[in-house]
Amino acid sequence: MEQRNCAKCGGSMEQGFIPDVGEPVRFAHWHDGPPKKSFWFGIRINSQGLPIAAFRCSECGYLELYASNDYAAS
C-alpha cells in the first residue's frame, strides 16, 4: 500500500473502509449521478459502482475517501 500523508496536518494516513448497511455486510460504493427514488427499494442503482476506501489520519482523525476498483475486497 502506498504511503499517504494528511492534507491537514501532514500526519500518516491509514487505510480502512466504511461498511454498507445490510446482510451480508459489504463495502460502501460510489455511483455516478444524483440518486433517484425507487418504488421498491428507496433509491434506484443503475451502475455497479466503485468500492470506497477511507483513509484516516492517525494524528488528527481527518478522513479522505477514494473510489476505485483498486479497493475492492480481496
N, C-alpha and C. Protein backbone atom coordinates (compact mmCIF):
# COMPACT_ATOMS: atom_id res chain seq x y z
N MET A 1 0.84 -1.19 0.00
CA MET A 1 0.00 0.00 0.00
C MET A 1 0.88 1.24 0.00
N GLU A 2 0.49 2.22 -0.78
CA GLU A 2 1.24 3.46 -0.84
C GLU A 2 1.07 4.27 0.44
N GLN A 3 2.09 5.03 0.81
CA GLN A 3 2.03 5.88 1.99
C GLN A 3 1.37 7.20 1.63
N ARG A 4 0.35 7.58 2.36
CA ARG A 4 -0.33 8.86 2.15
C ARG A 4 -0.10 9.71 3.38
N ASN A 5 0.02 11.02 3.15
CA ASN A 5 0.15 11.98 4.24
C ASN A 5 -1.10 12.85 4.30
N CYS A 6 -1.48 13.23 5.50
CA CYS A 6 -2.68 14.03 5.73
C CYS A 6 -2.55 15.41 5.09
N ALA A 7 -3.60 15.83 4.39
CA ALA A 7 -3.64 17.15 3.75
C ALA A 7 -3.80 18.26 4.79
N LYS A 8 -4.25 17.94 5.99
CA LYS A 8 -4.49 18.94 7.04
C LYS A 8 -3.27 19.16 7.93
N CYS A 9 -2.67 18.06 8.43
CA CYS A 9 -1.59 18.21 9.41
C CYS A 9 -0.28 17.53 9.00
N GLY A 10 -0.29 16.75 7.91
CA GLY A 10 0.92 16.07 7.46
C GLY A 10 1.16 14.72 8.11
N GLY A 11 0.27 14.30 9.02
CA GLY A 11 0.41 13.01 9.69
C GLY A 11 0.25 11.85 8.72
N SER A 12 0.51 10.64 9.18
CA SER A 12 0.38 9.47 8.32
C SER A 12 -1.07 9.01 8.26
N MET A 13 -1.48 8.54 7.07
CA MET A 13 -2.85 8.08 6.85
C MET A 13 -2.87 6.56 6.88
N GLU A 14 -3.91 5.98 7.48
CA GLU A 14 -4.08 4.54 7.47
C GLU A 14 -5.35 4.20 6.71
N GLN A 15 -5.30 3.11 5.92
CA GLN A 15 -6.44 2.72 5.11
C GLN A 15 -7.45 1.94 5.93
N GLY A 16 -8.72 2.19 5.65
CA GLY A 16 -9.82 1.45 6.26
C GLY A 16 -10.97 1.43 5.27
N PHE A 17 -12.17 1.14 5.74
CA PHE A 17 -13.33 1.16 4.86
C PHE A 17 -14.57 1.49 5.67
N ILE A 18 -15.61 1.91 4.97
CA ILE A 18 -16.89 2.21 5.58
C ILE A 18 -17.86 1.14 5.11
N PRO A 19 -18.35 0.29 6.01
CA PRO A 19 -19.24 -0.79 5.58
C PRO A 19 -20.61 -0.25 5.18
N ASP A 20 -21.21 -0.93 4.23
CA ASP A 20 -22.57 -0.64 3.80
C ASP A 20 -23.51 -1.38 4.75
N VAL A 21 -24.64 -0.81 5.05
CA VAL A 21 -25.60 -1.44 5.96
C VAL A 21 -26.31 -2.58 5.23
N GLY A 22 -26.50 -3.67 5.90
CA GLY A 22 -27.23 -4.79 5.32
C GLY A 22 -26.55 -6.12 5.61
N GLU A 23 -27.18 -7.16 5.15
CA GLU A 23 -26.63 -8.51 5.29
C GLU A 23 -26.48 -9.11 3.91
N PRO A 24 -25.37 -9.59 3.51
CA PRO A 24 -24.12 -9.53 4.26
C PRO A 24 -23.54 -8.12 4.23
N VAL A 25 -22.66 -7.81 5.19
CA VAL A 25 -22.01 -6.52 5.23
C VAL A 25 -21.09 -6.40 4.02
N ARG A 26 -21.15 -5.26 3.32
CA ARG A 26 -20.34 -5.04 2.12
C ARG A 26 -19.68 -3.68 2.20
N PHE A 27 -18.80 -3.41 1.23
CA PHE A 27 -18.22 -2.08 1.10
C PHE A 27 -19.28 -1.08 0.67
N ALA A 28 -19.15 0.16 1.11
CA ALA A 28 -19.93 1.24 0.53
C ALA A 28 -19.39 1.48 -0.87
N HIS A 29 -20.23 1.89 -1.80
CA HIS A 29 -19.83 2.12 -3.19
C HIS A 29 -20.24 3.51 -3.65
N TRP A 30 -19.44 4.09 -4.53
CA TRP A 30 -19.75 5.35 -5.17
C TRP A 30 -20.46 5.07 -6.49
N HIS A 31 -21.53 5.84 -6.76
CA HIS A 31 -22.29 5.70 -8.01
C HIS A 31 -22.39 7.07 -8.67
N ASP A 32 -22.32 7.10 -9.99
CA ASP A 32 -22.38 8.37 -10.69
C ASP A 32 -23.81 8.92 -10.74
N GLY A 33 -23.91 10.23 -10.84
CA GLY A 33 -25.20 10.90 -10.95
C GLY A 33 -25.93 11.06 -9.63
N PRO A 34 -27.00 11.85 -9.64
CA PRO A 34 -27.77 12.06 -8.42
C PRO A 34 -28.65 10.85 -8.11
N PRO A 35 -29.00 10.62 -6.84
CA PRO A 35 -29.87 9.49 -6.50
C PRO A 35 -31.28 9.72 -7.04
N LYS A 36 -31.93 8.62 -7.45
CA LYS A 36 -33.30 8.68 -7.95
C LYS A 36 -34.14 7.69 -7.13
N LYS A 37 -35.33 8.12 -6.77
CA LYS A 37 -36.20 7.27 -5.95
C LYS A 37 -36.60 6.02 -6.71
N SER A 38 -36.73 4.93 -5.95
CA SER A 38 -37.22 3.66 -6.46
C SER A 38 -38.52 3.34 -5.73
N PHE A 39 -39.46 2.80 -6.43
CA PHE A 39 -40.74 2.45 -5.81
C PHE A 39 -40.54 1.39 -4.73
N TRP A 40 -39.65 0.41 -4.96
CA TRP A 40 -39.49 -0.72 -4.05
C TRP A 40 -38.36 -0.57 -3.04
N PHE A 41 -37.23 0.01 -3.43
CA PHE A 41 -36.03 -0.10 -2.61
C PHE A 41 -35.46 1.21 -2.07
N GLY A 42 -36.18 2.30 -2.10
CA GLY A 42 -35.64 3.55 -1.60
C GLY A 42 -34.97 4.37 -2.68
N ILE A 43 -33.87 3.85 -3.25
CA ILE A 43 -33.22 4.51 -4.38
C ILE A 43 -32.89 3.48 -5.45
N ARG A 44 -32.85 3.96 -6.67
CA ARG A 44 -32.53 3.11 -7.82
C ARG A 44 -31.02 3.14 -8.06
N ILE A 45 -30.42 1.99 -8.30
CA ILE A 45 -28.99 1.91 -8.59
C ILE A 45 -28.85 1.36 -10.00
N ASN A 46 -28.28 2.19 -10.89
CA ASN A 46 -28.17 1.81 -12.30
C ASN A 46 -26.78 1.36 -12.71
N SER A 47 -25.82 1.45 -11.82
CA SER A 47 -24.45 1.07 -12.18
C SER A 47 -23.85 0.20 -11.09
N GLN A 48 -22.79 -0.50 -11.42
CA GLN A 48 -22.08 -1.37 -10.48
C GLN A 48 -21.49 -0.57 -9.33
N GLY A 49 -21.00 0.61 -9.61
CA GLY A 49 -20.38 1.45 -8.59
C GLY A 49 -18.93 1.07 -8.35
N LEU A 50 -18.26 1.91 -7.60
CA LEU A 50 -16.85 1.69 -7.27
C LEU A 50 -16.70 1.59 -5.76
N PRO A 51 -15.93 0.60 -5.27
CA PRO A 51 -15.72 0.48 -3.82
C PRO A 51 -15.02 1.73 -3.28
N ILE A 52 -15.40 2.13 -2.07
CA ILE A 52 -14.83 3.31 -1.44
C ILE A 52 -13.85 2.88 -0.35
N ALA A 53 -12.64 3.44 -0.41
CA ALA A 53 -11.66 3.26 0.66
C ALA A 53 -11.61 4.54 1.46
N ALA A 54 -11.51 4.42 2.76
CA ALA A 54 -11.41 5.58 3.64
C ALA A 54 -10.02 5.59 4.26
N PHE A 55 -9.34 6.72 4.15
CA PHE A 55 -8.03 6.88 4.77
C PHE A 55 -8.18 7.86 5.93
N ARG A 56 -7.68 7.46 7.12
CA ARG A 56 -7.81 8.25 8.34
C ARG A 56 -6.43 8.67 8.83
N CYS A 57 -6.31 9.95 9.17
CA CYS A 57 -5.05 10.44 9.72
C CYS A 57 -4.90 9.96 11.16
N SER A 58 -3.75 9.35 11.46
CA SER A 58 -3.52 8.83 12.81
C SER A 58 -3.24 9.96 13.81
N GLU A 59 -2.99 11.18 13.32
CA GLU A 59 -2.71 12.32 14.20
C GLU A 59 -3.98 13.12 14.52
N CYS A 60 -4.71 13.56 13.49
CA CYS A 60 -5.84 14.46 13.71
C CYS A 60 -7.21 13.85 13.40
N GLY A 61 -7.25 12.65 12.79
CA GLY A 61 -8.51 11.98 12.51
C GLY A 61 -9.18 12.38 11.21
N TYR A 62 -8.55 13.27 10.43
CA TYR A 62 -9.12 13.70 9.15
C TYR A 62 -9.34 12.49 8.24
N LEU A 63 -10.47 12.46 7.51
CA LEU A 63 -10.78 11.37 6.59
C LEU A 63 -10.73 11.83 5.14
N GLU A 64 -10.17 10.98 4.28
CA GLU A 64 -10.22 11.16 2.83
C GLU A 64 -10.83 9.90 2.24
N LEU A 65 -11.75 10.07 1.30
CA LEU A 65 -12.41 8.94 0.66
C LEU A 65 -11.97 8.86 -0.80
N TYR A 66 -11.71 7.62 -1.27
CA TYR A 66 -11.32 7.37 -2.65
C TYR A 66 -12.17 6.24 -3.19
N ALA A 67 -12.65 6.40 -4.42
CA ALA A 67 -13.47 5.37 -5.07
C ALA A 67 -12.70 4.81 -6.27
N SER A 68 -12.40 3.50 -6.23
CA SER A 68 -11.65 2.87 -7.29
C SER A 68 -11.79 1.35 -7.17
N ASN A 69 -11.74 0.67 -8.30
CA ASN A 69 -11.74 -0.80 -8.26
C ASN A 69 -10.50 -1.35 -7.59
N ASP A 70 -9.46 -0.53 -7.43
CA ASP A 70 -8.26 -0.94 -6.70
C ASP A 70 -8.57 -1.30 -5.25
N TYR A 71 -9.67 -0.80 -4.72
CA TYR A 71 -10.02 -1.01 -3.32
C TYR A 71 -11.06 -2.10 -3.11
N ALA A 72 -11.33 -2.89 -4.11
CA ALA A 72 -12.30 -3.99 -3.99
C ALA A 72 -11.79 -5.00 -2.96
N ALA A 73 -12.71 -5.69 -2.30
CA ALA A 73 -12.32 -6.69 -1.29
C ALA A 73 -11.52 -7.80 -1.95
N SER A 74 -10.50 -8.26 -1.25
CA SER A 74 -9.66 -9.34 -1.80
C SER A 74 -9.95 -10.65 -1.12
